[in-house]
């Protein structure tokens, strides 16, 4: 699960397009290289709290813990039909 080496994590961070994932991978790579969390935070210009969370998440779930999840939120009060009708109304008004 979290058996990646520092070099593997750095190589993966160079391939990843998403900035958030790149930062997390680099944080773990620096941590595995022996840097303490405060030093990693300074190097990446992020808070120590974020580094703590990233390391904890990595230790629990590996790299898959960093994958983006669909944000939760309040469900829509409008049905699909109501949304379509509203969109039609807006398009007619403009």
PDB file of N, CA and C in Angstrom:
ATOM      1  N   UNK A   1       0.837  -1.186   0.000  1.00  0.00           N
ATOM      2  CA  UNK A   1       0.000   0.000   0.000  1.00  0.00           C
ATOM      3  C   UNK A   1       0.884   1.253   0.000  1.00  0.00           C
ATOM      4  N   UNK A   2       1.736   1.416   1.007  1.00  0.00           N
ATOM      5  CA  UNK A   2       2.604   2.592   1.079  1.00  0.00           C
ATOM      6  C   UNK A   2       4.063   2.165   1.002  1.00  0.00           C
ATOM      7  N   UNK A   3       4.357   1.322   0.044  1.00  0.00           N
ATOM      8  CA  UNK A   3       5.686   0.753  -0.105  1.00  0.00           C
ATOM      9  C   UNK A   3       6.529   1.475  -1.149  1.00  0.00           C
ATOM     10  N   UNK A   4       6.112   2.629  -1.594  1.00  0.00           N
ATOM     11  CA  UNK A   4       6.841   3.356  -2.631  1.00  0.00           C
ATOM     12  C   UNK A   4       8.113   3.983  -2.062  1.00  0.00           C
ATOM     13  N   UNK A   5       9.152   4.005  -2.879  1.00  0.00           N
ATOM     14  CA  UNK A   5      10.398   4.637  -2.459  1.00  0.00           C
ATOM     15  C   UNK A   5      10.334   6.129  -2.740  1.00  0.00           C
ATOM     16  N   UNK A   6      11.269   6.832  -2.159  1.00  0.00           N
ATOM     17  CA  UNK A   6      11.369   8.280  -2.395  1.00  0.00           C
ATOM     18  C   UNK A   6      11.514   8.563  -3.890  1.00  0.00           C
ATOM     19  N   UNK A   7      12.363   7.803  -4.567  1.00  0.00           N
ATOM     20  CA  UNK A   7      12.598   8.015  -5.998  1.00  0.00           C
ATOM     21  C   UNK A   7      11.340   7.732  -6.812  1.00  0.00           C
ATOM     22  N   UNK A   8      10.607   6.685  -6.460  1.00  0.00           N
ATOM     23  CA  UNK A   8       9.371   6.365  -7.175  1.00  0.00           C
ATOM     24  C   UNK A   8       8.344   7.480  -7.014  1.00  0.00           C
ATOM     25  N   UNK A   9       8.247   8.014  -5.806  1.00  0.00           N
ATOM     26  CA  UNK A   9       7.284   9.081  -5.548  1.00  0.00           C
ATOM     27  C   UNK A   9       7.648  10.350  -6.316  1.00  0.00           C
ATOM     28  N   UNK A  10       8.943  10.688  -6.350  1.00  0.00           N
ATOM     29  CA  UNK A  10       9.372  11.875  -7.095  1.00  0.00           C
ATOM     30  C   UNK A  10       9.130  11.692  -8.588  1.00  0.00           C
ATOM     31  N   UNK A  11       9.424  10.497  -9.106  1.00  0.00           N
ATOM     32  CA  UNK A  11       9.193  10.224 -10.526  1.00  0.00           C
ATOM     33  C   UNK A  11       7.707  10.326 -10.853  1.00  0.00           C
ATOM     34  N   UNK A  12       6.878   9.792  -9.979  1.00  0.00           N
ATOM     35  CA  UNK A  12       5.438   9.860 -10.190  1.00  0.00           C
ATOM     36  C   UNK A  12       4.949  11.302 -10.129  1.00  0.00           C
ATOM     37  N   UNK A  13       5.513  12.091  -9.230  1.00  0.00           N
ATOM     38  CA  UNK A  13       5.097  13.495  -9.113  1.00  0.00           C
ATOM     39  C   UNK A  13       5.416  14.275 -10.382  1.00  0.00           C
ATOM     40  N   UNK A  14       6.475  13.883 -11.093  1.00  0.00           N
ATOM     41  CA  UNK A  14       6.821  14.554 -12.346  1.00  0.00           C
ATOM     42  C   UNK A  14       5.856  14.206 -13.471  1.00  0.00           C
ATOM     43  N   UNK A  15       5.188  13.069 -13.363  1.00  0.00           N
ATOM     44  CA  UNK A  15       4.256  12.628 -14.403  1.00  0.00           C
ATOM     45  C   UNK A  15       2.840  13.143 -14.180  1.00  0.00           C
ATOM     46  N   UNK A  16       2.522  13.448 -12.937  1.00  0.00           N
ATOM     47  CA  UNK A  16       1.166  13.866 -12.577  1.00  0.00           C
ATOM     48  C   UNK A  16       0.914  15.299 -13.031  1.00  0.00           C
ATOM     49  N   UNK A  17      -0.240  15.536 -13.624  1.00  0.00           N
ATOM     50  CA  UNK A  17      -0.577  16.883 -14.099  1.00  0.00           C
ATOM     51  C   UNK A  17      -1.238  17.728 -13.014  1.00  0.00           C
ATOM     52  N   UNK A  18      -1.985  17.085 -12.140  1.00  0.00           N
ATOM     53  CA  UNK A  18      -2.727  17.817 -11.117  1.00  0.00           C
ATOM     54  C   UNK A  18      -1.773  18.325 -10.027  1.00  0.00           C
ATOM     55  N   UNK A  19      -1.792  19.635  -9.812  1.00  0.00           N
ATOM     56  CA  UNK A  19      -0.881  20.273  -8.856  1.00  0.00           C
ATOM     57  C   UNK A  19      -1.062  19.730  -7.436  1.00  0.00           C
ATOM     58  N   UNK A  20      -2.303  19.545  -7.021  1.00  0.00           N
ATOM     59  CA  UNK A  20      -2.564  19.073  -5.656  1.00  0.00           C
ATOM     60  C   UNK A  20      -1.929  17.701  -5.413  1.00  0.00           C
ATOM     61  N   UNK A  21      -2.080  16.817  -6.392  1.00  0.00           N
ATOM     62  CA  UNK A  21      -1.504  15.480  -6.259  1.00  0.00           C
ATOM     63  C   UNK A  21       0.018  15.551  -6.266  1.00  0.00           C
ATOM     64  N   UNK A  22       0.574  16.412  -7.109  1.00  0.00           N
ATOM     65  CA  UNK A  22       2.034  16.565  -7.189  1.00  0.00           C
ATOM     66  C   UNK A  22       2.600  17.005  -5.843  1.00  0.00           C
ATOM     67  N   UNK A  23       1.955  17.982  -5.219  1.00  0.00           N
ATOM     68  CA  UNK A  23       2.422  18.481  -3.921  1.00  0.00           C
ATOM     69  C   UNK A  23       2.387  17.376  -2.862  1.00  0.00           C
ATOM     70  N   UNK A  24       1.338  16.602  -2.861  1.00  0.00           N
ATOM     71  CA  UNK A  24       1.208  15.537  -1.870  1.00  0.00           C
ATOM     72  C   UNK A  24       2.269  14.464  -2.070  1.00  0.00           C
ATOM     73  N   UNK A  25       2.505  14.110  -3.330  1.00  0.00           N
ATOM     74  CA  UNK A  25       3.532  13.103  -3.615  1.00  0.00           C
ATOM     75  C   UNK A  25       4.918  13.603  -3.221  1.00  0.00           C
ATOM     76  N   UNK A  26       5.201  14.873  -3.510  1.00  0.00           N
ATOM     77  CA  UNK A  26       6.495  15.437  -3.128  1.00  0.00           C
ATOM     78  C   UNK A  26       6.650  15.485  -1.612  1.00  0.00           C
ATOM     79  N   UNK A  27       5.572  15.804  -0.917  1.00  0.00           N
ATOM     80  CA  UNK A  27       5.629  15.841   0.547  1.00  0.00           C
ATOM     81  C   UNK A  27       5.987  14.465   1.102  1.00  0.00           C
ATOM     82  N   UNK A  28       5.361  13.435   0.574  1.00  0.00           N
ATOM     83  CA  UNK A  28       5.646  12.083   1.045  1.00  0.00           C
ATOM     84  C   UNK A  28       7.067  11.677   0.674  1.00  0.00           C
ATOM     85  N   UNK A  29       7.515  12.061  -0.524  1.00  0.00           N
ATOM     86  CA  UNK A  29       8.886  11.741  -0.946  1.00  0.00           C
ATOM     87  C   UNK A  29       9.902  12.377  -0.003  1.00  0.00           C
ATOM     88  N   UNK A  30       9.703  13.649   0.334  1.00  0.00           N
ATOM     89  CA  UNK A  30      10.618  14.329   1.260  1.00  0.00           C
ATOM     90  C   UNK A  30      10.569  13.677   2.643  1.00  0.00           C
ATOM     91  N   UNK A  31       9.370  13.319   3.078  1.00  0.00           N
ATOM     92  CA  UNK A  31       9.208  12.680   4.382  1.00  0.00           C
ATOM     93  C   UNK A  31       9.941  11.334   4.409  1.00  0.00           C
ATOM     94  N   UNK A  32       9.802  10.562   3.325  1.00  0.00           N
ATOM     95  CA  UNK A  32      10.493   9.265   3.256  1.00  0.00           C
ATOM     96  C   UNK A  32      12.005   9.436   3.165  1.00  0.00           C
ATOM     97  N   UNK A  33      12.453  10.608   2.685  1.00  0.00           N
ATOM     98  CA  UNK A  33      13.893  10.885   2.598  1.00  0.00           C
ATOM     99  C   UNK A  33      14.477  11.221   3.964  1.00  0.00           C
ATOM    100  N   UNK A  34      13.611  11.330   4.975  1.00  0.00           N
ATOM    101  CA  UNK A  34      14.101  11.568   6.324  1.00  0.00           C
ATOM    102  C   UNK A  34      13.874  12.974   6.840  1.00  0.00           C
ATOM    103  N   UNK A  35      13.260  13.832   6.027  1.00  0.00           N
ATOM    104  CA  UNK A  35      12.976  15.187   6.509  1.00  0.00           C
ATOM    105  C   UNK A  35      11.815  15.136   7.490  1.00  0.00           C
ATOM    106  N   UNK A  36      11.872  16.023   8.489  1.00  0.00           N
ATOM    107  CA  UNK A  36      10.742  16.081   9.410  1.00  0.00           C
ATOM    108  C   UNK A  36       9.606  16.875   8.761  1.00  0.00           C
ATOM    109  N   UNK A  37       8.434  16.780   9.336  1.00  0.00           N
ATOM    110  CA  UNK A  37       7.244  17.385   8.727  1.00  0.00           C
ATOM    111  C   UNK A  37       7.350  18.901   8.623  1.00  0.00           C
ATOM    112  N   UNK A  38       7.958  19.543   9.601  1.00  0.00           N
ATOM    113  CA  UNK A  38       8.117  21.003   9.552  1.00  0.00           C
ATOM    114  C   UNK A  38       9.023  21.399   8.395  1.00  0.00           C
ATOM    115  N   UNK A  39      10.079  20.647   8.189  1.00  0.00           N
ATOM    116  CA  UNK A  39      11.003  20.922   7.089  1.00  0.00           C
ATOM    117  C   UNK A  39      10.321  20.714   5.738  1.00  0.00           C
ATOM    118  N   UNK A  40       9.527  19.657   5.632  1.00  0.00           N
ATOM    119  CA  UNK A  40       8.778  19.398   4.395  1.00  0.00           C
ATOM    120  C   UNK A  40       7.822  20.554   4.124  1.00  0.00           C
ATOM    121  N   UNK A  41       7.148  21.016   5.159  1.00  0.00           N
ATOM    122  CA  UNK A  41       6.199  22.125   5.001  1.00  0.00           C
ATOM    123  C   UNK A  41       6.909  23.379   4.502  1.00  0.00           C
ATOM    124  N   UNK A  42       8.069  23.684   5.065  1.00  0.00           N
ATOM    125  CA  UNK A  42       8.827  24.863   4.614  1.00  0.00           C
ATOM    126  C   UNK A  42       9.285  24.702   3.170  1.00  0.00           C
ATOM    127  N   UNK A  43       9.774  23.523   2.824  1.00  0.00           N
ATOM    128  CA  UNK A  43      10.262  23.269   1.470  1.00  0.00           C
ATOM    129  C   UNK A  43       9.157  23.465   0.434  1.00  0.00           C
ATOM    130  N   UNK A  44       7.957  22.992   0.746  1.00  0.00           N
ATOM    131  CA  UNK A  44       6.844  23.056  -0.204  1.00  0.00           C
ATOM    132  C   UNK A  44       5.965  24.288  -0.015  1.00  0.00           C
ATOM    133  N   UNK A  45       6.306  25.101   0.983  1.00  0.00           N
ATOM    134  CA  UNK A  45       5.553  26.321   1.268  1.00  0.00           C
ATOM    135  C   UNK A  45       4.072  26.031   1.554  1.00  0.00           C
ATOM    136  N   UNK A  46       3.858  25.044   2.414  1.00  0.00           N
ATOM    137  CA  UNK A  46       2.515  24.704   2.874  1.00  0.00           C
ATOM    138  C   UNK A  46       2.559  24.621   4.395  1.00  0.00           C
ATOM    139  N   UNK A  47       1.399  24.510   5.010  1.00  0.00           N
ATOM    140  CA  UNK A  47       1.369  24.436   6.470  1.00  0.00           C
ATOM    141  C   UNK A  47       1.802  23.049   6.951  1.00  0.00           C
ATOM    142  N   UNK A  48       2.325  23.021   8.152  1.00  0.00           N
ATOM    143  CA  UNK A  48       2.725  21.749   8.750  1.00  0.00           C
ATOM    144  C   UNK A  48       1.494  20.871   8.960  1.00  0.00           C
ATOM    145  N   UNK A  49       0.377  21.495   9.239  1.00  0.00           N
ATOM    146  CA  UNK A  49      -0.876  20.752   9.417  1.00  0.00           C
ATOM    147  C   UNK A  49      -1.226  19.967   8.154  1.00  0.00           C
ATOM    148  N   UNK A  50      -1.039  20.592   6.983  1.00  0.00           N
ATOM    149  CA  UNK A  50      -1.336  19.905   5.726  1.00  0.00           C
ATOM    150  C   UNK A  50      -0.399  18.716   5.538  1.00  0.00           C
ATOM    151  N   UNK A  51       0.875  18.924   5.825  1.00  0.00           N
ATOM    152  CA  UNK A  51       1.838  17.825   5.692  1.00  0.00           C
ATOM    153  C   UNK A  51       1.456  16.694   6.642  1.00  0.00           C
ATOM    154  N   UNK A  52       1.060  17.029   7.869  1.00  0.00           N
ATOM    155  CA  UNK A  52       0.620  16.008   8.828  1.00  0.00           C
ATOM    156  C   UNK A  52      -0.538  15.195   8.258  1.00  0.00           C
ATOM    157  N   UNK A  53      -1.521  15.887   7.673  1.00  0.00           N
ATOM    158  CA  UNK A  53      -2.684  15.204   7.100  1.00  0.00           C
ATOM    159  C   UNK A  53      -2.277  14.312   5.932  1.00  0.00           C
ATOM    160  N   UNK A  54      -1.421  14.843   5.048  1.00  0.00           N
ATOM    161  CA  UNK A  54      -0.996  14.066   3.878  1.00  0.00           C
ATOM    162  C   UNK A  54      -0.250  12.807   4.287  1.00  0.00           C
ATOM    163  N   UNK A  55       0.652  12.943   5.249  1.00  0.00           N
ATOM    164  CA  UNK A  55       1.417  11.779   5.710  1.00  0.00           C
ATOM    165  C   UNK A  55       0.475  10.760   6.356  1.00  0.00           C
ATOM    166  N   UNK A  56      -0.430  11.217   7.203  1.00  0.00           N
ATOM    167  CA  UNK A  56      -1.373  10.308   7.861  1.00  0.00           C
ATOM    168  C   UNK A  56      -2.242   9.597   6.831  1.00  0.00           C
ATOM    169  N   UNK A  57      -2.743  10.344   5.842  1.00  0.00           N
ATOM    170  CA  UNK A  57      -3.576   9.733   4.803  1.00  0.00           C
ATOM    171  C   UNK A  57      -2.786   8.715   3.994  1.00  0.00           C
ATOM    172  N   UNK A  58      -1.544   9.039   3.682  1.00  0.00           N
ATOM    173  CA  UNK A  58      -0.697   8.114   2.925  1.00  0.00           C
ATOM    174  C   UNK A  58      -0.445   6.833   3.722  1.00  0.00           C
ATOM    175  N   UNK A  59      -0.162   6.988   5.001  1.00  0.00           N
ATOM    176  CA  UNK A  59       0.110   5.814   5.833  1.00  0.00           C
ATOM    177  C   UNK A  59      -1.131   4.926   5.977  1.00  0.00           C
ATOM    178  N   UNK A  60      -2.311   5.536   5.948  1.00  0.00           N
ATOM    179  CA  UNK A  60      -3.557   4.765   6.054  1.00  0.00           C
ATOM    180  C   UNK A  60      -3.947   4.115   4.732  1.00  0.00           C
ATOM    181  N   UNK A  61      -3.816   4.880   3.635  1.00  0.00           N
ATOM    182  CA  UNK A  61      -4.378   4.390   2.377  1.00  0.00           C
ATOM    183  C   UNK A  61      -3.467   4.402   1.176  1.00  0.00           C
ATOM    184  N   UNK A  62      -2.201   4.728   1.360  1.00  0.00           N
ATOM    185  CA  UNK A  62      -1.289   4.782   0.222  1.00  0.00           C
ATOM    186  C   UNK A  62      -1.624   5.934  -0.717  1.00  0.00           C
ATOM    187  N   UNK A  63      -1.131   5.850  -1.935  1.00  0.00           N
ATOM    188  CA  UNK A  63      -1.349   6.917  -2.913  1.00  0.00           C
ATOM    189  C   UNK A  63      -2.828   7.080  -3.237  1.00  0.00           C
ATOM    190  N   UNK A  64      -3.574   5.994  -3.193  1.00  0.00           N
ATOM    191  CA  UNK A  64      -5.001   6.084  -3.527  1.00  0.00           C
ATOM    192  C   UNK A  64      -5.748   7.010  -2.569  1.00  0.00           C
ATOM    193  N   UNK A  65      -5.191   7.268  -1.393  1.00  0.00           N
ATOM    194  CA  UNK A  65      -5.826   8.191  -0.449  1.00  0.00           C
ATOM    195  C   UNK A  65      -5.784   9.629  -0.957  1.00  0.00           C
ATOM    196  N   UNK A  66      -4.922   9.905  -1.950  1.00  0.00           N
ATOM    197  CA  UNK A  66      -4.788  11.258  -2.483  1.00  0.00           C
ATOM    198  C   UNK A  66      -5.681  11.523  -3.688  1.00  0.00           C
ATOM    199  N   UNK A  67      -6.334  10.500  -4.208  1.00  0.00           N
ATOM    200  CA  UNK A  67      -7.156  10.689  -5.395  1.00  0.00           C
ATOM    201  C   UNK A  67      -8.335  11.589  -5.070  1.00  0.00           C
ATOM    202  N   UNK A  68      -8.673  12.437  -6.022  1.00  0.00           N
ATOM    203  CA  UNK A  68      -9.771  13.378  -5.824  1.00  0.00           C
ATOM    204  C   UNK A  68     -11.082  12.627  -5.665  1.00  0.00           C
ATOM    205  N   UNK A  69     -11.837  13.080  -4.721  1.00  0.00           N
ATOM    206  CA  UNK A  69     -13.156  12.510  -4.489  1.00  0.00           C
ATOM    207  C   UNK A  69     -14.196  13.555  -4.871  1.00  0.00           C
ATOM    208  N   UNK A  70     -15.331  13.084  -5.325  1.00  0.00           N
ATOM    209  CA  UNK A  70     -16.403  14.001  -5.669  1.00  0.00           C
ATOM    210  C   UNK A  70     -16.832  14.717  -4.387  1.00  0.00           C
ATOM    211  N   UNK A  71     -16.837  16.042  -4.422  1.00  0.00           N
ATOM    212  CA  UNK A  71     -17.216  16.762  -3.204  1.00  0.00           C
ATOM    213  C   UNK A  71     -18.672  16.500  -2.838  1.00  0.00           C
ATOM    214  N   UNK A  72     -18.883  16.301  -1.569  1.00  0.00           N
ATOM    215  CA  UNK A  72     -20.253  16.098  -1.122  1.00  0.00           C
ATOM    216  C   UNK A  72     -20.907  17.459  -0.963  1.00  0.00           C
ATOM    217  N   UNK A  73     -22.155  17.464  -0.961  1.00  0.00           N
ATOM    218  CA  UNK A  73     -22.865  18.723  -0.802  1.00  0.00           C
ATOM    219  C   UNK A  73     -24.351  18.458  -0.679  1.00  0.00           C
ATOM    220  N   UNK A  74     -25.048  19.513  -0.505  1.00  0.00           N
ATOM    221  CA  UNK A  74     -26.482  19.414  -0.370  1.00  0.00           C
ATOM    222  C   UNK A  74     -27.088  18.986  -1.703  1.00  0.00           C
ATOM    223  N   UNK A  75     -28.012  18.034  -1.690  1.00  0.00           N
ATOM    224  CA  UNK A  75     -28.655  17.626  -2.934  1.00  0.00           C
ATOM    225  C   UNK A  75     -29.510  18.761  -3.498  1.00  0.00           C
ATOM    226  N   UNK A  76     -29.632  18.776  -4.799  1.00  0.00           N
ATOM    227  CA  UNK A  76     -30.426  19.810  -5.458  1.00  0.00           C
ATOM    228  C   UNK A  76     -31.888  19.697  -5.047  1.00  0.00           C
ATOM    229  N   UNK A  77     -32.524  20.838  -4.904  1.00  0.00           N
ATOM    230  CA  UNK A  77     -33.951  20.855  -4.587  1.00  0.00           C
ATOM    231  C   UNK A  77     -34.794  20.745  -5.850  1.00  0.00           C
ATOM    232  N   UNK A  78     -34.173  20.946  -7.012  1.00  0.00           N
ATOM    233  CA  UNK A  78     -34.888  20.876  -8.282  1.00  0.00           C
ATOM    234  C   UNK A  78     -34.734  19.497  -8.903  1.00  0.00           C
ATOM    235  N   UNK A  79     -35.811  19.019  -9.517  1.00  0.00           N
ATOM    236  CA  UNK A  79     -35.729  17.761 -10.256  1.00  0.00           C
ATOM    237  C   UNK A  79     -35.039  18.025 -11.587  1.00  0.00           C
ATOM    238  N   UNK A  80     -34.699  16.975 -12.303  1.00  0.00           N
ATOM    239  CA  UNK A  80     -34.067  17.128 -13.617  1.00  0.00           C
ATOM    240  C   UNK A  80     -34.979  17.892 -14.565  1.00  0.00           C
ATOM    241  N   UNK A  81     -36.262  17.606 -14.499  1.00  0.00           N
ATOM    242  CA  UNK A  81     -37.230  18.299 -15.363  1.00  0.00           C
ATOM    243  C   UNK A  81     -37.290  19.787 -15.009  1.00  0.00           C
ATOM    244  N   UNK A  82     -37.296  20.109 -13.732  1.00  0.00           N
ATOM    245  CA  UNK A  82     -37.332  21.508 -13.316  1.00  0.00           C
ATOM    246  C   UNK A  82     -36.070  22.243 -13.763  1.00  0.00           C
ATOM    247  N   UNK A  83     -34.936  21.589 -13.688  1.00  0.00           N
ATOM    248  CA  UNK A  83     -33.687  22.201 -14.148  1.00  0.00           C
ATOM    249  C   UNK A  83     -33.748  22.488 -15.638  1.00  0.00           C
ATOM    250  N   UNK A  84     -34.272  21.527 -16.407  1.00  0.00           N
ATOM    251  CA  UNK A  84     -34.388  21.712 -17.858  1.00  0.00           C
ATOM    252  C   UNK A  84     -35.326  22.869 -18.175  1.00  0.00           C
ATOM    253  N   UNK A  85     -36.442  22.952 -17.471  1.00  0.00           N
ATOM    254  CA  UNK A  85     -37.396  24.045 -17.690  1.00  0.00           C
ATOM    255  C   UNK A  85     -36.775  25.391 -17.332  1.00  0.00           C
ATOM    256  N   UNK A  86     -36.030  25.438 -16.257  1.00  0.00           N
ATOM    257  CA  UNK A  86     -35.368  26.671 -15.846  1.00  0.00           C
ATOM    258  C   UNK A  86     -34.338  27.091 -16.886  1.00  0.00           C
ATOM    259  N   UNK A  87     -33.577  26.143 -17.386  1.00  0.00           N
ATOM    260  CA  UNK A  87     -32.588  26.437 -18.421  1.00  0.00           C
ATOM    261  C   UNK A  87     -33.264  26.978 -19.677  1.00  0.00           C
ATOM    262  N   UNK A  88     -34.376  26.362 -20.083  1.00  0.00           N
ATOM    263  CA  UNK A  88     -35.131  26.858 -21.244  1.00  0.00           C
ATOM    264  C   UNK A  88     -35.607  28.285 -21.005  1.00  0.00           C
ATOM    265  N   UNK A  89     -36.127  28.539 -19.815  1.00  0.00           N
ATOM    266  CA  UNK A  89     -36.622  29.876 -19.478  1.00  0.00           C
ATOM    267  C   UNK A  89     -35.496  30.909 -19.558  1.00  0.00           C
ATOM    268  N   UNK A  90     -34.351  30.572 -18.995  1.00  0.00           N
ATOM    269  CA  UNK A  90     -33.208  31.495 -19.002  1.00  0.00           C
ATOM    270  C   UNK A  90     -32.745  31.762 -20.424  1.00  0.00           C
ATOM    271  N   UNK A  91     -32.685  30.721 -21.245  1.00  0.00           N
ATOM    272  CA  UNK A  91     -32.251  30.895 -22.633  1.00  0.00           C
ATOM    273  C   UNK A  91     -33.221  31.768 -23.416  1.00  0.00           C
ATOM    274  N   UNK A  92     -34.519  31.645 -23.145  1.00  0.00           N
ATOM    275  CA  UNK A  92     -35.525  32.460 -23.840  1.00  0.00           C
ATOM    276  C   UNK A  92     -35.442  33.924 -23.418  1.00  0.00           C
ATOM    277  N   UNK A  93     -35.043  34.162 -22.174  1.00  0.00           N
ATOM    278  CA  UNK A  93     -34.970  35.527 -21.656  1.00  0.00           C
ATOM    279  C   UNK A  93     -33.747  36.275 -22.156  1.00  0.00           C
ATOM    280  N   UNK A  94     -32.731  35.566 -22.607  1.00  0.00           N
ATOM    281  CA  UNK A  94     -31.508  36.256 -23.032  1.00  0.00           C
ATOM    282  C   UNK A  94     -31.375  36.350 -24.524  1.00  0.00           C
TER     283      UNK A  94
END
